[in-house]
C-alpha cells in the first residue's frame, strides 16, 4: 500500500512539473512555440543543441519519458527565444498534382529554402501525401505585411515580382504528342487553347510507346520543325504498363525522346492506370523529375468498353486536372484558364496509324 501511494505521489509530482514547465514557457513573452519535425539520424540531444535548450525541457514540453526514443518525422514542441529572424515551422502535406514550385508560391518562400529545410535536391521526387517542413513568417513579419496590405501605395511598392507570371501569360504554341490516350481529351485541349489564345497541335500515334517514338525520333523532329512549338506536352506510357524489366528495356527510350526535344520546355503526363504497372510511371518520373511529371495512375475514371480508355466526360476531367497543374505547379507554367465557351476550339489534330508488324 505504501509503495502504491509513493508511486501515485511521484506520478502526480511529475505531471505538475510538466504542466508548470509548459505553462512557464507559454507565458514567457520572450519565447516562441514552434513545431519541429525529427530528421533521419537525429536524437534528442542533437535537437536540444540545435535549439540551444535543455534535454529536460524537451522531455517536459513533449510529455516524454526519460527513455523515450524519437522516430523520423515525429513532431516535437520546442520553445525558442524570439529574434528578429525567428520563423515558425509547420508541416505541410503535399497534395495530388502539386509540385515544389506551387508549394513555394503558396507559402511565399523560395524553392531553394524548401530544398534546404527538407534535405532535398533539384532531382528529388516529391509525391502526394509527403510531409514537408515549411518555415512560416514571424508575427512581426505578418504585422508588417498586414500594414502594407492596408496601404495601397506601400502595397504597390512592395509587390513582389513573380518571374513565372510573365511566362504564364505568354501565348504558347503547344505540341502534344503521344499515344491514343490523347484522343479522348483532344477536344478539351483545343477548348483550353481557344480560351487562353494558345495554338495547339495534337499528334496521336495509335498503339505507340516510348519504344516507337524513340526509334522514330525523326517524327518528333519533323513536327518540331513544322509546328515550331514553344511548349511540349508528352502523353505516353499507357501501352507499357505491364512490360517486364521496365528499367532495362525502356529507360534508353525515354532518354532518347527527351534528348530529341532540345531545349524546349516540356512536361510529361503519365498514363491513367487501370491496373498496377510494373514501373513505367516511376521510370518516367525519375528521368523528367517530379516537377515535370503529372502522375495520373491513382486518379479514378470511368472507362470505355475496352476497360482502358476513358469516356469523354472522364477525359475532360483528366484534362482539367492537367490544366490546373500546368497553370500552377510546373517550373514554367502556362496560362490555362477553364474554357467558358466549349463551342470554341483552336488548333489541329494529326492521327498516325499503328506501325505494321
Protein backbone atom coordinates (compact mmCIF):
# COMPACT_ATOMS: atom_id res chain seq x y z
CA UNK A 1 0.00 0.00 0.00
CA UNK A 2 2.84 2.38 0.88
CA UNK A 3 4.56 1.60 -2.45
CA UNK A 4 1.33 2.35 -4.32
CA UNK A 5 0.87 5.69 -2.56
CA UNK A 6 4.51 6.57 -3.22
CA UNK A 7 4.14 5.77 -6.95
CA UNK A 8 0.96 7.84 -7.24
CA UNK A 9 2.70 10.74 -5.48
CA UNK A 10 5.63 10.57 -7.93
CA UNK A 11 3.31 10.49 -10.95
CA UNK A 12 1.33 13.47 -9.72
CA UNK A 13 4.54 15.37 -8.97
CA UNK A 14 5.92 14.62 -12.46
CA UNK A 15 2.67 15.79 -14.11
CA UNK A 16 2.71 19.00 -12.08
CA UNK A 17 6.32 19.66 -13.11
CA UNK A 18 5.46 19.10 -16.80
CA UNK A 19 2.39 21.34 -16.67
CA UNK A 20 4.37 24.01 -14.84
CA UNK A 21 7.22 23.89 -17.40
CA UNK A 22 4.84 24.19 -20.35
CA UNK A 23 2.83 26.97 -18.72
CA UNK A 24 6.02 28.86 -17.86
CA UNK A 25 7.23 28.66 -21.48
CA UNK A 26 3.84 29.71 -22.83
CA UNK A 27 3.63 32.73 -20.54
CA UNK A 28 7.17 33.88 -21.28
CA UNK A 29 6.81 36.69 -23.84
CA UNK A 30 10.41 36.25 -24.94
CA UNK A 31 9.70 32.67 -26.03
CA UNK A 32 8.00 31.38 -29.15
CA UNK A 33 6.49 27.94 -29.69
CA UNK A 34 7.50 26.08 -32.84
CA UNK A 35 6.88 22.56 -34.12
CA UNK A 36 9.98 20.67 -35.18
CA UNK A 37 9.94 17.52 -37.32
CA UNK A 38 12.62 15.00 -36.39
CA UNK A 39 15.04 14.24 -39.24
CA UNK A 40 16.81 10.99 -40.04
CA UNK A 41 19.56 10.17 -37.54
CA UNK A 42 18.60 12.87 -35.03
CA UNK A 43 18.36 12.22 -31.33
CA UNK A 44 17.02 14.34 -28.51
CA UNK A 45 20.48 15.62 -27.54
CA UNK A 46 21.20 16.81 -31.11
CA UNK A 47 17.85 18.62 -31.24
CA UNK A 48 18.47 20.23 -27.86
CA UNK A 49 21.85 21.54 -29.11
CA UNK A 50 20.27 22.75 -32.35
CA UNK A 51 17.80 24.99 -30.50
CA UNK A 52 20.05 25.73 -27.51
CA UNK A 53 17.57 24.30 -25.00
CA UNK A 54 17.94 21.61 -22.36
CA UNK A 55 17.12 17.97 -22.91
CA UNK A 56 15.00 18.08 -19.74
CA UNK A 57 12.86 20.87 -21.21
CA UNK A 58 12.33 18.89 -24.41
CA UNK A 59 11.14 15.95 -22.32
CA UNK A 60 8.76 18.18 -20.35
CA UNK A 61 7.37 20.15 -23.33
CA UNK A 62 6.53 16.93 -25.13
CA UNK A 63 5.50 14.86 -22.11
CA UNK A 64 8.16 12.26 -22.93
CA UNK A 65 9.64 9.69 -20.55
CA UNK A 66 13.40 9.85 -20.00
CA UNK A 67 13.96 6.67 -22.01
CA UNK A 68 11.84 7.82 -24.98
CA UNK A 69 13.19 7.03 -28.45
CA UNK A 70 12.47 9.52 -31.20
CA UNK A 71 11.31 8.45 -34.65
CA UNK A 72 11.81 10.08 -38.04
CA UNK A 73 9.11 12.66 -38.85
CA UNK A 74 7.97 12.75 -35.22
CA UNK A 75 6.72 16.23 -34.30
CA UNK A 76 8.18 17.94 -31.24
CA UNK A 77 7.12 21.12 -29.48
CA UNK A 78 10.05 23.46 -28.87
CA UNK A 79 10.06 26.87 -27.17
CA UNK A 80 12.77 29.14 -28.52
CA UNK A 81 13.75 32.72 -27.85
CA UNK A 82 12.16 35.22 -30.18
CA UNK A 83 14.53 37.02 -32.52
CA UNK A 84 14.02 39.24 -35.49
CA UNK A 85 14.55 36.31 -37.83
CA UNK A 86 12.74 33.59 -35.88
CA UNK A 87 10.31 31.69 -38.07
CA UNK A 88 7.63 29.19 -37.15
CA UNK A 89 7.98 25.75 -38.63
CA UNK A 90 4.93 23.86 -39.80
CA UNK A 91 4.41 20.56 -41.57
CA UNK A 92 2.68 20.59 -44.95
CA UNK A 93 1.20 17.55 -46.69
CA UNK A 94 1.78 17.53 -50.46
CA UNK A 95 -1.48 17.36 -52.43
CA UNK A 96 -2.16 15.46 -55.65
CA UNK A 97 -0.64 17.26 -58.63
CA UNK A 98 1.38 19.73 -56.53
CA UNK A 99 4.99 20.47 -57.23
CA UNK A 100 7.69 22.21 -55.23
CA UNK A 101 7.20 25.48 -57.15
CA UNK A 102 3.48 25.62 -56.33
CA UNK A 103 4.13 24.92 -52.64
CA UNK A 104 6.82 27.62 -52.52
CA UNK A 105 4.38 30.15 -54.01
CA UNK A 106 1.64 29.04 -51.60
CA UNK A 107 3.79 29.85 -48.55
CA UNK A 108 5.68 32.78 -50.03
CA UNK A 109 9.07 31.11 -49.64
CA UNK A 110 11.80 30.21 -52.10
CA UNK A 111 12.19 26.81 -53.74
CA UNK A 112 15.80 26.70 -52.53
CA UNK A 113 14.61 27.14 -48.93
CA UNK A 114 12.18 24.24 -49.33
CA UNK A 115 15.05 22.12 -50.66
CA UNK A 116 17.23 23.13 -47.69
CA UNK A 117 14.60 22.62 -44.98
CA UNK A 118 13.77 19.14 -46.26
CA UNK A 119 17.22 17.88 -47.32
CA UNK A 120 16.10 17.77 -50.97
CA UNK A 121 17.86 18.49 -54.25
CA UNK A 122 16.59 19.54 -57.68
CA UNK A 123 16.44 15.87 -58.64
CA UNK A 124 14.36 14.87 -55.61
CA UNK A 125 10.92 13.44 -56.30
CA UNK A 126 8.04 14.68 -54.16
CA UNK A 127 4.74 12.85 -54.05
CA UNK A 128 1.17 13.25 -52.82
CA UNK A 129 0.98 12.61 -49.09
CA UNK A 130 4.64 13.51 -48.45
CA UNK A 131 5.30 15.72 -45.39
CA UNK A 132 7.39 18.84 -45.94
CA UNK A 133 8.86 21.23 -43.38
CA UNK A 134 7.93 24.85 -44.06
CA UNK A 135 9.17 27.83 -42.06
CA UNK A 136 6.50 30.49 -41.96
CA UNK A 137 6.79 34.21 -41.28
CA UNK A 138 7.17 35.62 -37.79
CA UNK A 139 4.45 37.61 -36.10
CA UNK A 140 6.39 40.82 -36.72
CA UNK A 141 6.70 39.99 -40.41
CA UNK A 142 2.99 39.20 -40.51
CA UNK A 143 2.25 42.57 -38.87
CA UNK A 144 4.43 44.35 -41.43
CA UNK A 145 2.65 42.56 -44.29
CA UNK A 146 -0.74 43.49 -42.81
CA UNK A 147 0.31 47.16 -42.63
CA UNK A 148 1.41 47.04 -46.27
CA UNK A 149 -1.84 45.37 -47.33
CA UNK A 150 -3.81 48.19 -45.71
CA UNK A 151 -1.77 50.84 -47.52
CA UNK A 152 -2.32 50.72 -51.33
CA UNK A 153 0.76 52.84 -52.06
CA UNK A 154 3.06 50.65 -49.94
CA UNK A 155 1.42 47.53 -51.34
CA UNK A 156 2.23 48.53 -54.91
CA UNK A 157 5.81 49.46 -53.99
CA UNK A 158 6.45 46.22 -52.13
CA UNK A 159 4.62 43.93 -54.55
CA UNK A 160 6.98 41.04 -55.32
CA UNK A 161 7.60 40.13 -58.92
CA UNK A 162 6.87 36.53 -59.81
CA UNK A 163 9.34 35.59 -62.56
CA UNK A 164 6.94 32.89 -63.76
CA UNK A 165 3.97 35.25 -64.16
CA UNK A 166 5.25 36.80 -67.37
CA UNK A 167 5.88 33.35 -68.85
CA UNK A 168 2.46 32.11 -67.76
CA UNK A 169 0.62 34.86 -69.63
CA UNK A 170 2.51 34.43 -72.89
CA UNK A 171 0.76 32.93 -75.87
CA UNK A 172 2.12 29.44 -76.46
CA UNK A 173 2.40 27.05 -79.36
CA UNK A 174 1.82 23.71 -77.65
CA UNK A 175 2.80 20.42 -79.25
CA UNK A 176 1.02 17.49 -77.58
CA UNK A 177 2.25 14.08 -78.70
CA UNK A 178 1.91 10.50 -77.53
CA UNK A 179 -0.45 7.53 -77.59
CA UNK A 180 -4.20 7.15 -78.06
CA UNK A 181 -4.99 8.46 -74.57
CA UNK A 182 -4.77 11.93 -76.14
CA UNK A 183 -7.71 11.13 -78.40
CA UNK A 184 -10.30 11.32 -75.62
CA UNK A 185 -9.19 14.75 -74.46
CA UNK A 186 -8.17 16.29 -77.79
CA UNK A 187 -11.34 18.42 -77.93
CA UNK A 188 -10.85 19.66 -74.36
CA UNK A 189 -7.23 20.55 -75.14
CA UNK A 190 -8.38 22.65 -78.09
CA UNK A 191 -11.02 24.33 -75.91
CA UNK A 192 -8.30 25.38 -73.48
CA UNK A 193 -6.23 26.64 -76.42
CA UNK A 194 -9.12 28.81 -77.63
CA UNK A 195 -9.86 30.19 -74.16
CA UNK A 196 -6.23 31.14 -73.49
CA UNK A 197 -5.22 32.17 -77.00
CA UNK A 198 -2.74 29.33 -77.48
CA UNK A 199 -2.17 27.36 -80.65
CA UNK A 200 -2.05 23.59 -80.25
CA UNK A 201 -1.18 20.56 -82.35
CA UNK A 202 -2.23 17.14 -81.04
CA UNK A 203 -0.23 14.30 -82.58
CA UNK A 204 -1.87 10.97 -81.72
CA UNK A 205 0.05 7.84 -82.66
CA UNK A 206 -2.16 4.82 -82.09
CA UNK A 207 -0.61 1.88 -80.21
CA UNK A 208 2.59 3.86 -79.74
CA UNK A 209 5.04 3.55 -76.87
CA UNK A 210 8.32 5.07 -75.74
CA UNK A 211 10.00 2.42 -77.91
CA UNK A 212 8.08 3.50 -81.04
CA UNK A 213 8.71 7.21 -80.52
CA UNK A 214 12.39 6.69 -79.61
CA UNK A 215 13.03 4.57 -82.67
CA UNK A 216 11.38 7.24 -84.81
CA UNK A 217 12.68 10.46 -83.29
CA UNK A 218 12.64 11.87 -86.80
CA UNK A 219 8.86 12.08 -86.31
CA UNK A 220 9.36 14.32 -83.26
CA UNK A 221 11.92 16.37 -85.19
CA UNK A 222 9.51 16.71 -88.12
CA UNK A 223 6.68 18.15 -86.02
CA UNK A 224 9.00 20.43 -84.08
CA UNK A 225 10.35 21.91 -87.33
CA UNK A 226 6.91 22.14 -88.92
CA UNK A 227 4.88 23.46 -85.98
CA UNK A 228 7.66 25.39 -84.18
CA UNK A 229 6.29 24.78 -80.65
CA UNK A 230 7.21 26.86 -77.63
CA UNK A 231 6.00 24.16 -75.23
CA UNK A 232 5.71 20.37 -75.38
CA UNK A 233 3.33 18.04 -73.54
CA UNK A 234 4.05 14.30 -73.78
CA UNK A 235 1.22 11.87 -73.01
CA UNK A 236 2.79 8.43 -73.21
CA UNK A 237 3.11 5.17 -71.31
CA UNK A 238 -0.35 3.56 -71.38
CA UNK A 239 0.85 0.76 -73.66
CA UNK A 240 3.73 -0.09 -71.34
CA UNK A 241 2.03 -0.71 -68.02
CA UNK A 242 2.91 -4.40 -67.89
CA UNK A 243 6.36 -4.53 -69.52
CA UNK A 244 8.85 -6.78 -67.72
CA UNK A 245 12.32 -5.46 -66.86
CA UNK A 246 10.97 -1.97 -67.48
CA UNK A 247 14.14 -0.10 -66.48
CA UNK A 248 16.45 -2.12 -68.71
CA UNK A 249 14.09 -2.14 -71.69
CA UNK A 250 12.55 1.36 -71.56
CA UNK A 251 14.99 3.71 -69.85
CA UNK A 252 17.11 4.24 -73.01
CA UNK A 253 13.95 5.06 -75.00
CA UNK A 254 12.74 7.67 -72.50
CA UNK A 255 16.17 9.31 -72.50
CA UNK A 256 16.27 9.36 -76.31
CA UNK A 257 12.85 11.02 -76.54
CA UNK A 258 13.90 13.72 -74.08
CA UNK A 259 17.14 14.33 -75.97
CA UNK A 260 15.09 14.91 -79.12
CA UNK A 261 13.27 17.85 -77.53
CA UNK A 262 16.38 20.02 -77.42
CA UNK A 263 15.98 22.97 -75.03
CA UNK A 264 12.21 23.28 -75.40
CA UNK A 265 10.26 23.42 -72.12
CA UNK A 266 8.23 20.26 -71.63
CA UNK A 267 6.13 18.18 -69.25
CA UNK A 268 5.19 14.51 -69.28
CA UNK A 269 1.70 13.30 -68.38
CA UNK A 270 1.74 9.75 -67.05
CA UNK A 271 -0.85 7.14 -68.08
CA UNK A 272 -4.21 6.81 -66.27
CA UNK A 273 -3.60 3.27 -65.00
CA UNK A 274 -6.45 0.79 -64.90
CA UNK A 275 -4.19 -1.73 -63.12
CA UNK A 276 -0.93 -1.52 -61.20
CA UNK A 277 2.04 -1.05 -63.54
CA UNK A 278 5.46 -2.67 -63.46
CA UNK A 279 7.27 0.64 -63.10
CA UNK A 280 6.70 2.82 -66.18
CA UNK A 281 5.43 5.75 -64.10
CA UNK A 282 8.39 5.67 -61.72
CA UNK A 283 10.81 5.33 -64.63
CA UNK A 284 9.44 8.38 -66.43
CA UNK A 285 9.29 10.46 -63.26
CA UNK A 286 12.89 9.59 -62.42
CA UNK A 287 14.01 10.83 -65.84
CA UNK A 288 11.98 14.03 -66.08
CA UNK A 289 11.79 14.97 -62.39
CA UNK A 290 8.69 15.32 -60.22
CA UNK A 291 8.15 18.93 -61.29
CA UNK A 292 7.63 17.95 -64.92
CA UNK A 293 5.71 14.74 -64.33
CA UNK A 294 1.94 14.57 -63.85
CA UNK A 295 1.04 11.28 -62.17
CA UNK A 296 -2.36 10.02 -63.30
CA UNK A 297 -2.11 6.45 -62.04
CA UNK A 298 -4.12 6.94 -58.84
CA UNK A 299 -6.92 9.01 -60.37
CA UNK A 300 -10.34 7.36 -60.66
CA UNK A 301 -12.05 7.48 -64.06
CA UNK A 302 -14.90 5.87 -65.95
CA UNK A 303 -13.69 3.67 -68.81
CA UNK A 304 -14.99 2.68 -72.23
CA UNK A 305 -15.87 -0.93 -73.05
CA UNK A 306 -12.20 -1.82 -73.65
CA UNK A 307 -11.53 -1.19 -69.94
CA UNK A 308 -8.56 1.09 -70.67
CA UNK A 309 -9.57 4.29 -72.46
CA UNK A 310 -11.57 6.97 -70.69
CA UNK A 311 -15.11 8.02 -71.54
CA UNK A 312 -15.43 11.56 -72.85
CA UNK A 313 -16.52 13.11 -69.53
CA UNK A 314 -13.60 11.48 -67.69
CA UNK A 315 -11.18 12.60 -70.41
CA UNK A 316 -12.41 16.17 -69.92
CA UNK A 317 -11.98 15.80 -66.15
CA UNK A 318 -8.45 14.47 -66.67
CA UNK A 319 -7.57 17.42 -68.89
CA UNK A 320 -8.97 19.86 -66.32
CA UNK A 321 -6.64 18.42 -63.66
CA UNK A 322 -3.67 18.61 -66.04
CA UNK A 323 -4.53 22.21 -66.94
CA UNK A 324 -4.67 23.23 -63.28
CA UNK A 325 -1.26 21.65 -62.80
CA UNK A 326 0.19 23.40 -65.87
CA UNK A 327 -1.15 26.72 -64.63
CA UNK A 328 0.21 26.47 -61.09
CA UNK A 329 2.70 23.72 -60.36
CA UNK A 330 5.32 23.35 -63.09
CA UNK A 331 8.67 25.17 -63.38
CA UNK A 332 7.47 27.03 -66.49
CA UNK A 333 3.72 27.48 -66.01
CA UNK A 334 1.38 28.39 -68.84
CA UNK A 335 -1.97 30.11 -68.60
CA UNK A 336 -4.75 27.53 -68.65
CA UNK A 337 -7.98 29.18 -67.56
CA UNK A 338 -11.07 26.96 -67.71
CA UNK A 339 -12.94 27.32 -71.05
CA UNK A 340 -16.10 29.41 -70.78
CA UNK A 341 -17.41 28.54 -74.23
CA UNK A 342 -16.96 24.87 -75.15
CA UNK A 343 -18.06 25.51 -78.73
CA UNK A 344 -14.81 27.40 -79.38
CA UNK A 345 -11.77 25.33 -80.27
CA UNK A 346 -8.35 26.22 -81.55
CA UNK A 347 -5.64 24.01 -83.03
CA UNK A 348 -5.40 20.81 -85.08
CA UNK A 349 -5.17 17.05 -84.66
CA UNK A 350 -2.83 14.69 -86.51
CA UNK A 351 -3.59 10.96 -86.38
CA UNK A 352 -0.83 8.43 -87.04
CA UNK A 353 -1.75 4.81 -87.63
CA UNK A 354 -0.04 1.93 -85.76
CA UNK A 355 3.18 0.63 -87.22
CA UNK A 356 2.84 -2.54 -89.26
CA UNK A 357 4.41 -5.51 -87.51
